[in-house]
Amino acid sequence: MAPTPELAGLQQGWTAALGAVRERVATLRPLQVEGVLSRMVGMTLEAVGCEAAVGSRCLIEAAEGRTVEAEVVGFSGERLFLMPTGDMRGLMPGARVLPAHASSGVHVGDQLLGRVLDGTGRPLDGLGPVECRDTQPLMGSPLNPLKRWAIREPLDVGIRSINSLLSIGRGQRIGLFAGSGVGKSVLLGMMTRYTNADVIVVGLIGERGREVQEFVANTLGPDGLKRAVVVATPADTPPLMRLHGAWVAHAIAEYFRDRGMKVLLLLDSLTRFAQAQREIALAIGEPPATKGYPPSVFARLPQLVERAGNSDRGPGSVTAFYTVLVEGDDQQDPIADAARAILDGHIVLSRSLAEAGVYPAVDVEASISRAMHLVADRELMALAVRFRQIYALYQHNRDLISVGAYRRGSDPRIDQAIELWPKMTEILRQDMYEAVDLRTAREQLRALLATATH
């Protein structure tokens, strides 16, 4: 039944009135979303009268015509909690807060190779702007675990002890657990130089500013930097920028992986990432749970590391090494414990080995690669298990041997361990300027154990 002319006219009138109201709301909205800065406690800013989503950016007008950029990290009622991404100098009570329409992404492309960036993707190396047309989401999208390509191909990292005893597969995520001063940075540098990868992405999160320069100039060097992208957010940057540094590094690695490339991602360190999230969470009122770490910290960690791994679209892969700082060599630290649960293996660096001059100080007994059985054949697996058995037998009787309480001939297995111990130590020891590939590492391990009786 067709509407009467009177009803049709009434409908047109209502449509026109509704359109006028929508236009009026659209013109008033920019005035409604602006707010003012009402409070500042530590690194946390509170704004009222402002409409913005969590994760969006805001610009705060400061003194002397400056503008401070901040990100929305939470809200309570009509109050927004903001965290600055840079210097807060010049902020005043009642300062205008303007929501920005900046996209939460990072510009990516081949032009990033050889560059050093900050947590926003801007260059730090003074070589001019990075002209990239493509954009990668900062947070990324979770991959379907059933569609990821399986780990099947071994990765040559150039380290004898890892290649032979802790074989790594492409797409694996490994934790590098170490205290201070046991050779963690040197081991990362060796991996950047010797690993067989198309692109290397390095995230230096919360480290000392001096170490950034040393890593780029000395550890990477000009040749290593040509195929690498470095994202640096030192310890003096706000906690939000330290989080962004890790996200930017992963976004760049995902971009090259989605193009079918083999990417090596080194994040130093996962602990500093967790500490940055802790600072933000405590500042906005989240209660601490485990040794001062709020629950959001343990939710962020798997969200970050699950972005690495094999692609679901093709042969591209991101093999990731995350360093975990073990304070006081306490392996039960909550971050270390959480990292062991979500990673595909862990390599522990031993302080006692480092003090004995064995570098890299890989503790074979405490380390494990959960994907080794997927990438190593039965012979290599058997050789690695045999090495571990002899190594553990010597370590368990080390005190008796050292004080002379053990007599030769009492146990043939211990006699064999004593005889092989110097050669086993040489398998672990490697010069920082020496690369040992997979085939050579296997041959040296086979030659060492050829004299061992079962």
Protein backbone atom coordinates (compact mmCIF):
# COMPACT_ATOMS: atom_id res chain seq x y z
CA MET A 1 0.00 0.00 0.00
CA ALA A 2 1.56 3.31 -1.12
CA PRO A 3 1.79 6.08 1.53
CA THR A 4 -0.61 9.00 1.23
CA PRO A 5 0.78 12.37 0.11
CA GLU A 6 0.35 13.70 3.65
CA LEU A 7 2.33 10.77 5.15
CA ALA A 8 5.04 11.09 2.49
CA GLY A 9 5.39 14.79 3.23
CA LEU A 10 5.63 14.08 6.96
CA GLN A 11 8.37 11.50 6.37
CA GLN A 12 10.35 13.94 4.23
CA GLY A 13 10.00 16.57 6.94
CA TRP A 14 11.29 14.20 9.61
CA THR A 15 14.20 13.14 7.38
CA ALA A 16 15.18 16.75 6.74
CA ALA A 17 14.96 17.59 10.45
CA LEU A 18 17.05 14.57 11.40
CA GLY A 19 19.68 15.52 8.81
CA ALA A 20 19.85 19.05 10.23
CA VAL A 21 20.35 17.67 13.74
CA ARG A 22 23.14 15.39 12.55
CA GLU A 23 24.89 18.27 10.80
CA ARG A 24 24.61 20.36 13.95
CA VAL A 25 26.04 17.54 16.10
CA ALA A 26 28.89 17.13 13.63
CA THR A 27 29.77 20.81 13.89
CA LEU A 28 29.60 20.77 17.69
CA ARG A 29 31.58 17.53 18.21
CA PRO A 30 35.08 19.01 17.82
CA LEU A 31 34.23 21.43 20.65
CA GLN A 32 32.96 18.61 22.85
CA VAL A 33 35.94 16.28 22.53
CA GLU A 34 38.48 18.87 23.66
CA GLY A 35 39.35 18.84 27.34
CA VAL A 36 41.65 20.39 29.90
CA LEU A 37 44.51 19.05 31.96
CA SER A 38 43.27 18.70 35.54
CA ARG A 39 45.98 16.76 37.36
CA MET A 40 49.54 15.52 37.05
CA VAL A 41 50.95 12.83 39.36
CA GLY A 42 54.37 11.53 38.49
CA MET A 43 54.27 10.52 34.84
CA THR A 44 50.47 10.28 34.73
CA LEU A 45 48.27 13.09 33.41
CA GLU A 46 44.53 13.38 33.99
CA ALA A 47 42.24 15.20 31.55
CA VAL A 48 38.55 16.04 31.92
CA GLY A 49 35.98 16.96 29.29
CA CYS A 50 37.86 15.04 26.63
CA GLU A 51 36.59 12.16 24.48
CA ALA A 52 39.24 9.75 23.23
CA ALA A 53 39.68 6.00 23.03
CA VAL A 54 42.34 4.01 24.84
CA GLY A 55 45.45 3.89 22.66
CA SER A 56 44.68 7.12 20.80
CA ARG A 57 46.95 10.16 20.86
CA CYS A 58 46.30 13.61 22.34
CA LEU A 59 48.15 16.91 22.03
CA ILE A 60 48.53 19.06 25.15
CA GLU A 61 49.28 22.75 24.81
CA ALA A 62 52.24 23.69 27.01
CA ALA A 63 54.03 26.95 27.82
CA GLU A 64 56.09 28.86 25.26
CA GLY A 65 54.01 27.50 22.40
CA ARG A 66 55.17 23.92 22.91
CA THR A 67 52.97 20.88 22.36
CA VAL A 68 53.34 17.69 24.38
CA GLU A 69 52.14 14.43 22.82
CA ALA A 70 50.48 11.85 25.08
CA GLU A 71 48.60 8.59 24.72
CA VAL A 72 45.41 7.50 26.44
CA VAL A 73 46.24 4.57 28.72
CA GLY A 74 43.04 4.36 30.78
CA PHE A 75 39.98 6.16 32.10
CA SER A 76 37.79 6.44 35.19
CA GLY A 77 34.39 8.01 34.77
CA GLU A 78 34.89 11.28 32.90
CA ARG A 79 38.63 11.34 33.57
CA LEU A 80 41.17 10.19 31.00
CA PHE A 81 44.59 8.93 32.07
CA LEU A 82 47.34 10.04 29.70
CA MET A 83 50.98 9.05 29.52
CA PRO A 84 53.42 11.41 27.72
CA THR A 85 55.62 10.13 24.92
CA GLY A 86 58.31 12.76 25.48
CA ASP A 87 59.40 15.66 27.65
CA MET A 88 56.65 17.08 29.91
CA ARG A 89 58.36 20.45 30.45
CA GLY A 90 55.96 23.41 30.25
CA LEU A 91 52.71 21.66 31.21
CA MET A 92 50.30 23.74 33.30
CA PRO A 93 46.95 23.16 35.07
CA GLY A 94 44.06 23.80 32.72
CA ALA A 95 46.10 23.26 29.56
CA ARG A 96 44.01 22.34 26.52
CA VAL A 97 43.95 18.68 25.55
CA LEU A 98 43.22 18.05 21.87
CA PRO A 99 42.61 14.53 20.51
CA ALA A 100 44.87 13.84 17.55
CA HIS A 101 43.97 11.80 14.50
CA ALA A 102 47.38 10.17 14.12
CA SER A 103 47.27 6.53 13.02
CA SER A 104 48.67 3.87 15.35
CA GLY A 105 51.05 2.45 12.78
CA VAL A 106 54.67 2.59 11.68
CA HIS A 107 55.98 3.36 8.20
CA VAL A 108 57.86 0.38 6.77
CA GLY A 109 59.85 -0.45 3.67
CA ASP A 110 63.29 -1.44 2.41
CA GLN A 111 64.43 2.09 3.22
CA LEU A 112 64.54 1.07 6.90
CA LEU A 113 67.56 -1.18 6.35
CA GLY A 114 70.66 0.36 7.85
CA ARG A 115 68.71 2.87 9.94
CA VAL A 116 68.37 3.49 13.68
CA LEU A 117 64.88 4.52 14.85
CA ASP A 118 63.20 5.60 18.08
CA GLY A 119 59.96 4.30 19.58
CA THR A 120 57.84 6.34 17.16
CA GLY A 121 59.67 5.15 14.05
CA ARG A 122 61.55 8.43 13.60
CA PRO A 123 65.29 8.23 12.74
CA LEU A 124 67.95 8.73 15.41
CA ASP A 125 70.99 8.40 13.19
CA GLY A 126 70.90 11.88 11.65
CA LEU A 127 70.75 10.49 8.11
CA GLY A 128 67.58 12.32 7.19
CA PRO A 129 63.95 11.20 7.08
CA VAL A 130 62.94 7.66 6.18
CA GLU A 131 60.76 7.75 3.07
CA CYS A 132 58.51 4.70 3.35
CA ARG A 133 55.09 4.42 1.73
CA ASP A 134 53.75 1.28 3.40
CA THR A 135 52.30 1.28 6.91
CA GLN A 136 52.23 -1.60 9.38
CA PRO A 137 49.84 -1.69 12.38
CA LEU A 138 51.69 -1.02 15.61
CA MET A 139 49.92 -3.68 17.65
CA GLY A 140 49.47 -6.23 14.87
CA SER A 141 46.80 -8.91 14.51
CA PRO A 142 47.06 -12.34 16.17
CA LEU A 143 47.72 -15.20 13.76
CA ASN A 144 45.58 -18.32 13.69
CA PRO A 145 47.79 -20.91 15.45
CA LEU A 146 46.47 -23.69 13.19
CA LYS A 147 47.52 -21.84 10.03
CA ARG A 148 51.10 -21.04 11.01
CA TRP A 149 53.75 -22.92 9.05
CA ALA A 150 55.37 -25.57 11.23
CA ILE A 151 58.97 -25.28 12.43
CA ARG A 152 60.93 -27.63 10.22
CA GLU A 153 64.07 -25.82 9.04
CA PRO A 154 67.14 -25.41 11.29
CA LEU A 155 68.63 -21.95 11.78
CA ASP A 156 72.39 -21.51 11.69
CA VAL A 157 73.29 -18.91 14.35
CA GLY A 158 77.05 -19.40 14.06
CA ILE A 159 77.45 -20.42 17.74
CA ARG A 160 78.96 -23.89 18.24
CA SER A 161 77.25 -24.73 21.53
CA ILE A 162 73.82 -23.66 20.26
CA ASN A 163 74.10 -25.25 16.82
CA SER A 164 75.17 -28.62 18.24
CA LEU A 165 73.45 -28.89 21.63
CA LEU A 166 70.49 -26.49 21.42
CA SER A 167 69.54 -26.48 17.75
CA ILE A 168 67.18 -23.63 16.83
CA GLY A 169 64.47 -23.77 14.16
CA ARG A 170 63.28 -20.93 11.97
CA GLY A 171 60.27 -19.33 13.57
CA GLN A 172 61.25 -20.36 17.08
CA ARG A 173 61.12 -17.94 20.02
CA ILE A 174 63.97 -18.32 22.50
CA GLY A 175 64.68 -16.62 25.82
CA LEU A 176 68.25 -15.62 26.66
CA PHE A 177 68.44 -15.60 30.46
CA ALA A 178 71.40 -13.80 31.94
CA GLY A 179 72.50 -11.65 34.84
CA SER A 180 74.65 -8.58 34.44
CA GLY A 181 78.15 -8.95 33.05
CA VAL A 182 78.03 -12.53 31.74
CA GLY A 183 78.40 -11.78 28.00
CA LYS A 184 74.79 -11.34 26.90
CA SER A 185 75.48 -8.38 24.59
CA VAL A 186 78.50 -10.08 23.03
CA LEU A 187 76.44 -13.20 22.29
CA LEU A 188 73.73 -11.08 20.65
CA GLY A 189 76.39 -9.38 18.55
CA MET A 190 77.74 -12.72 17.37
CA MET A 191 74.24 -13.77 16.33
CA THR A 192 73.70 -10.59 14.34
CA ARG A 193 76.93 -11.17 12.42
CA TYR A 194 76.74 -14.92 11.84
CA THR A 195 73.04 -15.87 11.66
CA ASN A 196 71.76 -16.87 8.24
CA ALA A 197 68.89 -14.35 7.90
CA ASP A 198 67.64 -11.93 5.25
CA VAL A 199 66.84 -9.12 7.69
CA ILE A 200 67.84 -8.51 11.30
CA VAL A 201 65.64 -6.35 13.54
CA VAL A 202 67.18 -5.27 16.86
CA GLY A 203 65.11 -3.74 19.65
CA LEU A 204 67.18 -2.08 22.41
CA ILE A 205 64.55 -1.46 25.08
CA GLY A 206 65.44 0.32 28.31
CA GLU A 207 69.19 -0.07 27.88
CA ARG A 208 71.82 2.53 28.71
CA GLY A 209 72.27 5.16 26.03
CA ARG A 210 75.98 4.40 25.83
CA GLU A 211 75.23 0.78 24.93
CA VAL A 212 73.10 1.85 21.97
CA GLN A 213 76.05 3.60 20.34
CA GLU A 214 78.41 0.72 21.15
CA PHE A 215 76.03 -1.88 19.75
CA VAL A 216 75.51 -0.01 16.49
CA ALA A 217 79.13 1.02 15.95
CA ASN A 218 81.04 -1.96 17.34
CA THR A 219 78.77 -4.98 17.72
CA LEU A 220 76.83 -4.60 14.48
CA GLY A 221 79.42 -2.66 12.53
CA PRO A 222 78.92 -1.16 9.06
CA ASP A 223 78.49 -4.53 7.34
CA GLY A 224 75.98 -5.88 9.85
CA LEU A 225 73.98 -2.65 9.83
CA LYS A 226 73.37 -2.91 6.07
CA ARG A 227 70.82 -5.70 6.56
CA ALA A 228 69.57 -4.57 9.98
CA VAL A 229 67.02 -2.19 11.48
CA VAL A 230 67.69 -0.94 15.02
CA VAL A 231 64.92 0.42 17.25
CA ALA A 232 66.32 2.11 20.36
CA THR A 233 64.39 3.45 23.35
CA PRO A 234 66.99 3.98 26.12
CA ALA A 235 66.29 3.94 29.84
CA ASP A 236 65.78 7.70 30.04
CA THR A 237 62.75 7.63 27.72
CA PRO A 238 59.21 7.52 29.20
CA PRO A 239 57.82 4.04 29.90
CA LEU A 240 55.27 4.40 27.11
CA MET A 241 58.06 4.89 24.57
CA ARG A 242 59.82 1.78 25.84
CA LEU A 243 56.64 -0.19 25.18
CA HIS A 244 56.34 1.39 21.74
CA GLY A 245 59.94 0.49 20.95
CA ALA A 246 59.16 -3.22 21.39
CA TRP A 247 55.95 -2.92 19.37
CA VAL A 248 57.70 -1.03 16.56
CA ALA A 249 60.43 -3.68 16.36
CA HIS A 250 57.82 -6.43 16.07
CA ALA A 251 55.79 -4.49 13.49
CA ILE A 252 58.89 -4.06 11.31
CA ALA A 253 59.76 -7.75 11.66
CA GLU A 254 56.19 -8.72 10.72
CA TYR A 255 56.35 -6.55 7.60
CA PHE A 256 59.45 -8.30 6.25
CA ARG A 257 58.09 -11.71 7.28
CA ASP A 258 54.86 -11.14 5.37
CA ARG A 259 56.99 -10.49 2.27
CA GLY A 260 58.40 -14.02 2.56
CA MET A 261 61.74 -13.05 4.14
CA LYS A 262 63.61 -14.81 6.93
CA VAL A 263 63.87 -12.36 9.82
CA LEU A 264 65.98 -12.54 12.98
CA LEU A 265 64.49 -10.45 15.80
CA LEU A 266 66.63 -9.62 18.84
CA LEU A 267 64.84 -7.85 21.71
CA ASP A 268 67.02 -6.63 24.55
CA SER A 269 65.30 -6.85 26.89
CA LEU A 270 61.93 -8.43 27.65
CA THR A 271 62.41 -7.53 31.31
CA ARG A 272 62.62 -3.79 30.54
CA PHE A 273 59.43 -4.11 28.50
CA ALA A 274 57.68 -5.69 31.49
CA GLN A 275 59.04 -3.02 33.84
CA ALA A 276 57.72 -0.27 31.56
CA GLN A 277 54.25 -1.82 31.60
CA ARG A 278 54.49 -2.10 35.38
CA GLU A 279 55.28 1.62 35.69
CA ILE A 280 52.26 2.55 33.59
CA ALA A 281 49.88 0.12 35.31
CA LEU A 282 50.84 1.21 38.82
CA ALA A 283 50.64 4.89 37.85
CA ILE A 284 46.99 4.57 36.77
CA GLY A 285 46.02 2.63 39.88
CA GLU A 286 46.25 -1.05 38.93
CA PRO A 287 47.00 -3.11 42.07
CA PRO A 288 50.27 -5.07 42.20
CA ALA A 289 50.02 -8.86 42.25
CA THR A 290 53.24 -10.88 41.98
CA LYS A 291 56.28 -9.19 43.55
CA GLY A 292 55.03 -5.75 42.54
CA TYR A 293 54.00 -6.70 38.99
CA PRO A 294 50.32 -5.99 38.14
CA PRO A 295 48.32 -8.62 36.20
CA SER A 296 48.45 -6.57 32.99
CA VAL A 297 52.20 -7.22 32.76
CA PHE A 298 51.66 -10.97 32.44
CA ALA A 299 48.94 -10.33 29.85
CA ARG A 300 51.22 -8.10 27.75
CA LEU A 301 54.09 -10.59 27.53
CA PRO A 302 52.32 -13.29 25.47
CA GLN A 303 50.64 -10.60 23.34
CA LEU A 304 54.12 -9.44 22.37
CA VAL A 305 55.98 -12.71 21.84
CA GLU A 306 53.14 -14.43 19.97
CA ARG A 307 53.65 -11.92 17.17
CA ALA A 308 56.94 -13.64 16.31
CA GLY A 309 57.15 -17.04 14.65
CA ASN A 310 56.35 -18.44 11.22
CA SER A 311 53.88 -16.77 8.91
CA ASP A 312 50.45 -18.09 7.99
CA ARG A 313 50.73 -16.75 4.43
CA GLY A 314 53.99 -18.16 3.09
CA PRO A 315 57.56 -19.15 3.87
CA GLY A 316 58.39 -15.97 5.81
CA SER A 317 59.50 -16.35 9.42
CA VAL A 318 60.52 -14.32 12.48
CA THR A 319 62.98 -16.16 14.70
CA ALA A 320 63.12 -14.20 17.94
CA PHE A 321 65.61 -14.05 20.80
CA TYR A 322 64.37 -12.24 23.91
CA THR A 323 66.86 -11.41 26.61
CA VAL A 324 65.58 -11.77 30.18
CA LEU A 325 67.54 -10.06 32.94
CA VAL A 326 67.85 -12.37 35.94
CA GLU A 327 68.43 -10.09 38.92
CA GLY A 328 70.87 -11.65 41.35
CA ASP A 329 70.94 -14.73 39.10
CA ASP A 330 67.51 -15.66 40.51
CA GLN A 331 65.92 -17.96 37.96
CA GLN A 332 62.61 -17.77 39.89
CA ASP A 333 62.11 -14.09 39.14
CA PRO A 334 58.43 -13.63 38.10
CA ILE A 335 59.31 -12.28 34.64
CA ALA A 336 61.84 -15.05 34.04
CA ASP A 337 59.33 -17.65 35.18
CA ALA A 338 56.60 -16.23 32.92
CA ALA A 339 58.99 -16.03 29.96
CA ARG A 340 59.98 -19.69 30.30
CA ALA A 341 56.31 -20.65 30.12
CA ILE A 342 55.49 -18.74 26.92
CA LEU A 343 58.72 -19.16 24.91
CA ASP A 344 59.90 -22.13 22.85
CA GLY A 345 63.02 -22.68 24.90
CA HIS A 346 65.59 -20.85 26.98
CA ILE A 347 69.35 -20.42 26.92
CA VAL A 348 70.85 -19.68 30.34
CA LEU A 349 74.20 -17.92 30.66
CA SER A 350 76.16 -19.04 33.71
CA ARG A 351 78.09 -16.60 35.86
CA SER A 352 80.43 -19.35 37.07
CA LEU A 353 81.36 -20.22 33.46
CA ALA A 354 81.90 -16.54 32.65
CA GLU A 355 84.15 -16.14 35.70
CA ALA A 356 86.13 -19.17 34.48
CA GLY A 357 86.67 -17.47 31.10
CA VAL A 358 84.30 -19.69 29.11
CA TYR A 359 82.51 -17.49 26.57
CA PRO A 360 79.77 -17.67 25.48
CA ALA A 361 78.89 -18.90 28.97
CA VAL A 362 76.03 -21.20 27.93
CA ASP A 363 74.87 -23.41 30.80
CA VAL A 364 74.06 -26.62 28.94
CA GLU A 365 72.35 -28.25 31.92
CA ALA A 366 69.91 -25.37 32.52
CA SER A 367 69.18 -24.65 28.83
CA ILE A 368 66.75 -26.32 26.46
CA SER A 369 65.41 -25.92 22.93
CA ARG A 370 61.84 -27.19 22.73
CA ALA A 371 61.97 -27.39 18.94
CA MET A 372 65.29 -29.24 18.61
CA HIS A 373 63.56 -32.57 17.96
CA LEU A 374 61.78 -30.93 15.00
CA VAL A 375 64.92 -29.69 13.23
CA ALA A 376 67.68 -32.11 14.28
CA ASP A 377 68.08 -35.68 13.04
CA ARG A 378 68.39 -38.72 15.32
CA GLU A 379 72.19 -38.75 15.21
CA LEU A 380 72.55 -35.17 16.39
CA MET A 381 69.92 -35.70 19.09
CA ALA A 382 71.83 -38.75 20.36
CA LEU A 383 75.14 -36.85 20.35
CA ALA A 384 73.60 -33.94 22.26
CA VAL A 385 72.04 -36.24 24.87
CA ARG A 386 75.36 -38.10 25.32
CA PHE A 387 77.23 -34.82 25.77
CA ARG A 388 74.71 -33.67 28.39
CA GLN A 389 75.02 -36.94 30.32
CA ILE A 390 78.81 -36.75 30.55
CA TYR A 391 78.73 -33.03 31.29
CA ALA A 392 76.17 -33.46 34.11
CA LEU A 393 78.11 -36.41 35.58
CA TYR A 394 81.26 -34.32 35.90
CA GLN A 395 79.38 -31.33 37.37
CA HIS A 396 77.68 -33.52 40.00
CA ASN A 397 81.07 -34.87 41.13
CA ARG A 398 83.04 -31.68 40.61
CA ASP A 399 83.58 -30.97 44.30
CA LEU A 400 84.95 -34.47 44.98
CA ILE A 401 87.25 -34.21 41.97
CA SER A 402 88.46 -30.71 42.89
CA VAL A 403 89.47 -31.59 46.47
CA GLY A 404 91.05 -34.88 45.44
CA ALA A 405 88.51 -37.04 47.27
CA TYR A 406 87.77 -39.07 44.15
CA ARG A 407 90.20 -41.83 43.22
CA ARG A 408 90.71 -42.79 39.62
CA GLY A 409 89.29 -46.20 38.82
CA SER A 410 86.43 -46.01 41.29
CA ASP A 411 83.87 -45.33 38.55
CA PRO A 412 84.70 -45.74 34.82
CA ARG A 413 82.03 -43.19 33.87
CA ILE A 414 83.55 -40.49 36.09
CA ASP A 415 87.02 -41.38 34.79
CA GLN A 416 85.74 -40.80 31.28
CA ALA A 417 84.11 -37.50 32.26
CA ILE A 418 87.39 -36.29 33.80
CA GLU A 419 89.26 -37.23 30.63
CA LEU A 420 86.77 -35.50 28.31
CA TRP A 421 86.15 -32.41 30.43
CA PRO A 422 88.85 -30.17 28.86
CA LYS A 423 87.59 -31.02 25.36
CA MET A 424 83.98 -30.44 26.41
CA THR A 425 84.91 -27.02 27.71
CA GLU A 426 86.48 -26.24 24.34
CA ILE A 427 83.21 -27.15 22.62
CA LEU A 428 81.48 -24.48 24.70
CA ARG A 429 84.21 -21.86 24.30
CA GLN A 430 84.23 -19.76 21.12
CA ASP A 431 85.98 -16.57 20.07
CA MET A 432 83.62 -13.67 19.38
CA TYR A 433 85.10 -13.21 15.90
CA GLU A 434 84.77 -16.88 14.96
CA ALA A 435 81.72 -18.43 13.29
CA VAL A 436 80.95 -22.16 13.50
CA ASP A 437 78.26 -23.39 11.12
CA LEU A 438 75.87 -26.29 11.66
CA ARG A 439 77.91 -28.90 9.80
CA THR A 440 81.18 -27.99 11.53
CA ALA A 441 79.53 -27.97 14.95
CA ARG A 442 78.14 -31.47 14.37
CA GLU A 443 81.50 -32.82 13.19
CA GLN A 444 83.32 -31.41 16.20
CA LEU A 445 80.75 -32.86 18.59
CA ARG A 446 80.94 -36.25 16.85
CA ALA A 447 84.75 -36.25 17.02
CA LEU A 448 84.69 -35.43 20.72
CA LEU A 449 82.30 -38.24 21.63
CA ALA A 450 83.94 -40.80 19.32
CA THR A 451 86.35 -41.71 22.10
CA ALA A 452 83.59 -41.99 24.71
CA THR A 453 82.41 -45.47 25.63
CA HIS A 454 78.76 -46.07 26.38
